[in-house]
Structures are given as structure tokens and as C-alpha cells.
Protein backbone atom coordinates (compact mmCIF):
# COMPACT_ATOMS: atom_id res chain seq x y z
CA MET A 1 107.62 101.85 94.13
CA ALA A 2 109.63 105.05 93.60
CA ALA A 3 107.59 108.24 93.71
CA PRO A 4 108.62 109.46 90.20
CA LEU A 5 107.52 106.17 88.64
CA PHE A 6 104.20 106.33 90.50
CA TRP A 7 103.45 109.86 89.30
CA THR A 8 104.51 108.99 85.76
CA ARG A 9 102.12 106.04 85.65
CA LEU A 10 99.31 108.13 87.12
CA ALA A 11 99.92 111.02 84.72
CA ARG A 12 99.80 108.68 81.72
CA ASP A 13 96.29 107.48 82.59
CA PRO A 14 93.76 109.93 81.09
CA TRP A 15 90.88 108.49 83.10
CA ALA A 16 92.83 108.86 86.34
CA ARG A 17 93.56 112.50 85.45
CA PHE A 18 89.88 113.05 84.72
CA GLY A 19 88.90 111.47 88.04
CA LEU A 20 91.49 113.52 89.90
CA GLY A 21 90.13 116.65 88.24
CA LEU A 22 86.57 115.85 89.33
CA VAL A 23 87.68 115.18 92.90
CA ALA A 24 89.76 118.37 92.97
CA ILE A 25 86.83 120.45 91.73
CA LEU A 26 84.52 118.86 94.31
CA ALA A 27 87.00 119.55 97.11
CA LEU A 28 87.50 123.14 95.96
CA LEU A 29 83.76 123.82 95.74
CA ALA A 30 83.24 122.33 99.20
CA LEU A 31 86.09 124.38 100.66
CA LEU A 32 84.85 127.64 99.12
CA ALA A 33 81.14 127.00 99.73
CA PRO A 34 80.69 129.91 102.20
CA TRP A 35 82.05 132.33 99.59
CA LEU A 36 80.56 130.77 96.46
CA ALA A 37 77.02 130.16 97.74
CA PRO A 38 74.76 132.98 96.49
CA GLY A 39 72.06 132.34 99.10
CA ASP A 40 71.40 130.93 102.53
CA PRO A 41 71.26 127.12 102.25
CA PHE A 42 69.21 126.79 105.45
CA ARG A 43 66.56 129.51 105.29
CA GLY A 44 64.04 129.75 102.51
CA ASP A 45 61.59 132.23 101.08
CA LEU A 46 58.20 130.78 100.23
CA SER A 47 57.60 133.59 97.76
CA ALA A 48 60.45 132.15 95.66
CA SER A 49 59.28 128.53 95.93
CA LEU A 50 60.12 126.27 92.97
CA HIS A 51 61.68 129.07 90.96
CA PRO A 52 63.22 127.60 87.78
CA PRO A 53 66.92 128.03 87.00
CA SER A 54 67.65 131.65 86.16
CA GLY A 55 69.99 134.50 86.95
CA ALA A 56 68.49 134.80 90.42
CA PHE A 57 68.67 131.04 91.10
CA LEU A 58 71.43 129.37 89.10
CA LEU A 59 69.99 125.85 89.63
CA GLY A 60 66.51 126.93 90.67
CA SER A 61 64.93 126.85 94.13
CA ASP A 62 63.22 124.09 96.11
CA ALA A 63 59.75 123.92 97.65
CA GLN A 64 60.87 126.06 100.61
CA GLY A 65 62.38 128.69 98.34
CA ARG A 66 65.98 127.77 99.19
CA ASP A 67 68.66 128.15 96.53
CA VAL A 68 69.49 124.69 95.15
CA PHE A 69 73.00 125.69 94.09
CA SER A 70 73.84 126.93 97.59
CA ARG A 71 72.53 123.75 99.16
CA LEU A 72 74.47 121.72 96.60
CA LEU A 73 77.73 123.40 97.62
CA TYR A 74 77.13 122.82 101.32
CA GLY A 75 76.03 119.27 100.54
CA ALA A 76 79.46 118.70 98.98
CA ARG A 77 81.04 119.58 102.33
CA LEU A 78 78.87 117.02 104.08
CA SER A 79 79.58 114.32 101.49
CA LEU A 80 83.33 114.80 101.71
CA ALA A 81 83.19 114.85 105.51
CA VAL A 82 81.22 111.61 105.55
CA GLY A 83 83.62 109.97 103.11
CA LEU A 84 86.80 111.04 104.91
CA ILE A 85 85.65 110.48 108.49
CA SER A 86 83.90 107.16 107.87
CA GLN A 87 86.89 105.86 105.92
CA SER A 88 89.20 106.98 108.71
CA ILE A 89 87.16 104.84 111.09
CA ALA A 90 87.18 101.92 108.65
CA LEU A 91 90.94 102.31 108.21
CA ALA A 92 91.62 102.40 111.94
CA LEU A 93 89.57 99.26 112.56
CA GLY A 94 90.39 97.36 109.38
CA VAL A 95 94.14 97.98 109.31
CA THR A 96 94.58 97.22 113.02
CA LEU A 97 92.51 94.02 112.97
CA GLY A 98 93.98 92.94 109.63
CA LEU A 99 97.54 93.33 110.92
CA VAL A 100 96.74 91.42 114.10
CA SER A 101 94.88 88.69 112.23
CA GLY A 102 97.55 88.17 109.59
CA TYR A 103 100.53 88.33 111.95
CA TYR A 104 99.36 86.20 114.86
CA GLY A 105 97.11 83.80 112.96
CA ARG A 106 95.60 80.76 114.70
CA TRP A 107 92.54 81.38 116.88
CA MET A 108 92.89 85.16 116.69
CA ASP A 109 92.84 85.04 112.91
CA GLY A 110 89.85 82.71 112.99
CA VAL A 111 87.80 84.93 115.29
CA ILE A 112 88.52 88.18 113.43
CA MET A 113 87.93 86.71 109.99
CA ARG A 114 84.71 84.99 111.01
CA VAL A 115 83.37 88.30 112.32
CA ALA A 116 84.46 89.91 109.05
CA ASP A 117 82.70 87.16 107.07
CA VAL A 118 79.49 87.73 109.00
CA THR A 119 79.72 91.47 108.36
CA LEU A 120 80.32 90.97 104.64
CA ALA A 121 77.54 88.37 104.39
CA PHE A 122 74.89 91.04 104.89
CA PRO A 123 74.08 93.47 102.06
CA SER A 124 75.83 96.69 103.01
CA LEU A 125 72.82 98.96 102.58
CA LEU A 126 70.52 96.72 104.64
CA LEU A 127 73.11 96.51 107.40
CA LEU A 128 73.51 100.30 107.36
CA ILE A 129 69.76 100.82 107.57
CA ALA A 130 69.41 98.32 110.41
CA ILE A 131 72.14 99.93 112.50
CA ALA A 132 71.12 103.51 111.73
CA ALA A 133 67.46 102.78 112.50
CA ALA A 134 68.38 101.40 115.93
CA VAL A 135 69.63 104.79 117.15
CA LYS A 136 68.56 108.40 116.78
CA PRO A 137 69.52 109.64 113.27
CA SER A 138 72.34 112.18 113.31
CA LEU A 139 75.53 112.95 111.41
CA PRO A 140 77.89 111.43 114.02
CA VAL A 141 75.85 108.24 113.86
CA VAL A 142 76.17 108.20 110.05
CA PHE A 143 79.95 108.63 110.28
CA VAL A 144 80.35 105.78 112.76
CA VAL A 145 77.87 103.41 111.13
CA ILE A 146 79.42 103.68 107.65
CA GLY A 147 82.89 103.29 109.14
CA ILE A 148 81.93 100.21 111.13
CA VAL A 149 80.30 98.54 108.13
CA GLY A 150 83.39 99.25 106.01
CA TRP A 151 86.06 97.74 108.29
CA ALA A 152 85.65 94.13 107.21
CA GLY A 153 86.73 94.54 103.60
CA MET A 154 89.71 96.61 104.67
CA ALA A 155 90.75 93.97 107.23
CA ARG A 156 90.68 91.20 104.60
CA ILE A 157 92.90 93.23 102.27
CA VAL A 158 95.44 93.97 105.02
CA ARG A 159 95.43 90.37 106.28
CA GLY A 160 96.21 89.06 102.81
CA GLN A 161 99.15 91.41 102.45
CA VAL A 162 100.49 90.52 105.90
CA LEU A 163 100.26 86.78 105.21
CA GLN A 164 102.48 87.30 102.18
CA ALA A 165 104.97 89.58 103.94
CA ARG A 166 105.41 87.87 107.28
CA GLY A 167 107.41 85.00 105.77
CA LEU A 168 109.87 87.25 103.92
CA GLU A 169 113.52 87.20 104.91
CA TYR A 170 113.73 90.68 106.37
CA VAL A 171 110.78 89.96 108.69
CA GLN A 172 112.39 86.70 109.78
CA ALA A 173 115.68 88.53 110.32
CA ALA A 174 114.01 91.15 112.50
CA ARG A 175 112.41 88.41 114.59
CA ALA A 176 115.75 86.60 114.92
CA LEU A 177 117.39 89.81 116.15
CA GLY A 178 114.85 90.01 118.95
CA ALA A 179 112.56 92.72 117.60
CA SER A 180 109.25 92.89 119.42
CA ASP A 181 105.98 92.00 117.69
CA ALA A 182 104.86 95.63 117.85
CA ARG A 183 108.08 96.80 116.15
CA ILE A 184 107.85 94.15 113.42
CA ILE A 185 104.24 95.06 112.71
CA ALA A 186 104.82 98.82 112.73
CA ARG A 187 108.22 99.00 111.01
CA HIS A 188 108.19 96.03 108.63
CA LEU A 189 104.62 94.90 107.91
CA LEU A 190 102.61 98.12 107.96
CA PRO A 191 104.58 99.73 105.07
CA ASN A 192 103.71 96.71 102.91
CA VAL A 193 99.96 97.33 103.23
CA ILE A 194 99.98 101.09 102.56
CA ALA A 195 99.54 100.86 98.77
CA PRO A 196 96.44 98.62 98.69
CA VAL A 197 94.99 100.48 101.68
CA ILE A 198 95.26 103.80 99.83
CA VAL A 199 93.45 102.35 96.83
CA ALA A 200 90.76 100.71 98.96
CA ALA A 201 90.21 103.91 100.97
CA THR A 202 89.86 106.00 97.80
CA LEU A 203 87.24 103.63 96.40
CA GLY A 204 85.61 103.43 99.83
CA ILE A 205 85.07 107.20 99.99
CA GLY A 206 82.86 106.96 96.91
CA GLY A 207 80.94 104.11 98.52
CA ALA A 208 80.53 106.14 101.71
CA ILE A 209 79.10 109.09 99.76
CA MET A 210 76.57 106.76 98.15
CA ALA A 211 75.73 105.21 101.51
CA GLU A 212 75.16 108.59 103.17
CA ALA A 213 72.97 109.68 100.26
CA ALA A 214 70.91 106.49 100.59
CA LEU A 215 70.49 106.93 104.35
CA SER A 216 69.54 110.59 103.98
CA PHE A 217 67.10 109.71 101.20
CA ILE A 218 65.11 107.50 103.58
CA GLY A 219 65.44 109.91 106.51
CA LEU A 220 68.13 108.07 108.50
CA GLY A 221 71.03 110.37 107.61
CA ALA A 222 71.40 114.13 107.80
CA GLN A 223 68.32 115.73 109.31
CA PRO A 224 66.59 118.90 107.97
CA PRO A 225 67.55 121.63 107.39
CA THR A 226 71.13 120.28 106.96
CA PRO A 227 71.91 120.22 103.21
CA SER A 228 72.54 116.67 102.02
CA TRP A 229 72.52 115.44 98.47
CA GLY A 230 70.47 112.39 99.42
CA SER A 231 67.82 114.38 101.28
CA MET A 232 67.70 116.89 98.41
CA VAL A 233 66.88 114.06 95.99
CA ALA A 234 64.20 112.84 98.40
CA GLU A 235 62.68 116.31 98.73
CA GLY A 236 62.33 116.60 94.97
CA ARG A 237 61.07 113.11 94.15
CA ASP A 238 57.41 114.23 94.22
CA LEU A 239 58.23 117.33 92.16
CA LEU A 240 59.84 115.68 89.13
CA ARG A 241 57.02 116.76 86.81
CA VAL A 242 56.89 120.40 87.92
CA ALA A 243 60.40 121.07 89.26
CA PRO A 244 62.84 118.36 88.10
CA TRP A 245 65.88 120.50 88.94
CA VAL A 246 65.35 119.92 92.67
CA SER A 247 66.32 116.25 92.33
CA ILE A 248 68.39 116.26 89.16
CA ALA A 249 71.08 118.64 90.44
CA PRO A 250 72.02 116.63 93.57
CA GLY A 251 71.63 113.37 91.65
CA VAL A 252 74.15 114.49 89.05
CA ALA A 253 76.47 115.72 91.83
CA ILE A 254 76.40 112.29 93.51
CA GLY A 255 77.12 110.57 90.21
CA LEU A 256 80.04 112.86 89.34
CA ALA A 257 81.58 112.59 92.82
CA VAL A 258 81.44 108.79 92.86
CA LEU A 259 82.63 108.59 89.25
CA GLY A 260 85.62 110.81 90.00
CA LEU A 261 86.62 108.83 93.08
CA ASN A 262 86.24 105.48 91.33
CA LEU A 263 88.31 106.61 88.34
CA LEU A 264 90.96 107.98 90.67
CA GLY A 265 90.94 104.74 92.67
CA ASP A 266 91.36 102.69 89.50
CA GLY A 267 94.22 104.94 88.43
CA LEU A 268 95.94 104.59 91.80
CA ARG A 269 95.55 100.81 91.64
CA ASP A 270 97.25 100.68 88.25
CA ALA A 271 99.95 103.17 89.24
CA LEU A 272 100.73 101.27 92.44
CA ASP A 273 100.33 97.93 90.62
CA VAL A 274 97.96 96.64 93.31
CA ARG A 275 96.07 93.48 92.39
CA GLY A 276 93.40 91.37 94.00
CA LEU A 277 91.77 93.98 96.20
CA GLY A 278 88.54 92.00 96.27
CA ARG A 279 85.57 93.62 97.91
CA VAL A 280 86.44 96.89 99.59
CA GLY A 281 84.40 98.25 102.45
CA GLY A 282 82.84 101.67 102.55
CA GLY A 283 79.23 100.90 103.12
CA GLY A 284 78.50 101.36 99.44
CA ALA A 285 74.98 100.71 98.31
């Protein structure tokens, strides 16, 4: 699809514009967190514990006296990092295995797709918890675990596109001219899967943010004192009656981030005219 037509379609979708705006604001806040944060997100002051929202604490303070707004900004950096890095891992695995499976077929296709079926058969959150609990909780582990869980859906999408494209005339012509398998895959098949992969990755980032929040909520994600929206919700769950802002602020941030990414993903799907994505991976809860 020509670029002008794509941007025209995207610009005509008000929900896509709204989603893009939310994502842009989130990215900007995360990028400018060191300059926008009014307090230290790591060190607290017990004398300011559970201070309600005010001029001194825009969104209040938590039980350790840390500024909730500052931790929210730094939590946005973590959420975006998790989404981008984990989806990069899912893309690398899913696109590579999907191309190989769809192009070569036969026993290779059977093995890869059966492994993908087994991965997709388990509820994503339970699989994430099982893998994360087997190793020492840390951010690198979260990145890798969410990426590994998300590869299967991506591979199925890519395989379906390759199965449709490999029988087209230009692919057959390239094979007849003696082009190697690697060249056919890289030059002729890979461009055909870019559009659905972009849509799936955008939706997957939202799922990854939810997955990281869920893991951090149960203590298997980011470890204290690292600001994480999921751990912030967990820290405030016993304080809902006396200090609801501790949990509400990160909860709303998670909802807005995922909403923005999902609306943007839907807008990209319509603009690129991609159909039949099925279940996309991202480790979403």
C-alpha cells in the first residue's frame, strides 16, 4: 500500500488518532521523566508517608513517603522498555520461525507449528508465572520470558502470510531464475509479512505491559525499589481505604497505556487492510 494512502486512512480514524495521542504522551513522559519528576522515585521520607494529593505531592505519596507521580513517570519508562524489548524478542523468534515454517513446509512446518500449538494451549499468564517463578526474578528475565511466550502467535501470523505468497508468480519466477532460498525469503517473502507483523507487534506491546504489571503485582517482575506500575498497585492494595491514590494512579496509567496501544493497533490494521490476525502473542494476561 502506498504511504500517502496509509496515512490518509490512519488520519481519518478518530480512534486511531486518539490512541496515537495517548501513546505519544506516554512516550514523551517516559523520555522526560528525569526532568519532569518532582521527587526521587527510589528514596522516601517516612515523615511524608501517605500524604494525599496536594501541591507538594501531585498524586500523593506512598507508605514509604515516595512521590507517586515521580514513580509513575519512571514506571512508564519500564513499561515501554518491557513492551519494546519483549516484542523485539517475539518478533525475532516468531518472524524467523514463521518464515521457515511457511516456506519449507513438510516436517519442519509440522514441528514448529506443533511447538507453537503447545505454547498457545497454555493460558499466557499461567505460563509466564511458571517460567518466571523457575528463575530469580529480575527485569532481564521479564523481558525474555514475555518475549518467549509471545513468539507463537507471531509465528502463526507470518506462516499464514508466507503460505499465501510462496505460490505467487514472482516467487516462482525467482526460484526458476536460480535465486537461493535465503534470497527468496529475504527479498520476496519478508516484505509480504511486514504489515500484519507491525499490527501484531503494536497490539503485543499492550499485552506485554499488562503481563509485566501482572508479574510485578505478584512479586515476579521488577523488584523493589524499582518503580513498576504493577508493583505500585500491589503496594497500595492494602491501603485502598486510607490512601486509594497509591493504587489508583498506576492502575489508570496501565489502562490508558493499553487502551492507547490497542486503539492504535486497530487503526493500523484498518489502514493497512490486514485481516485475520487471529491470536497475537505478547504474553497478555
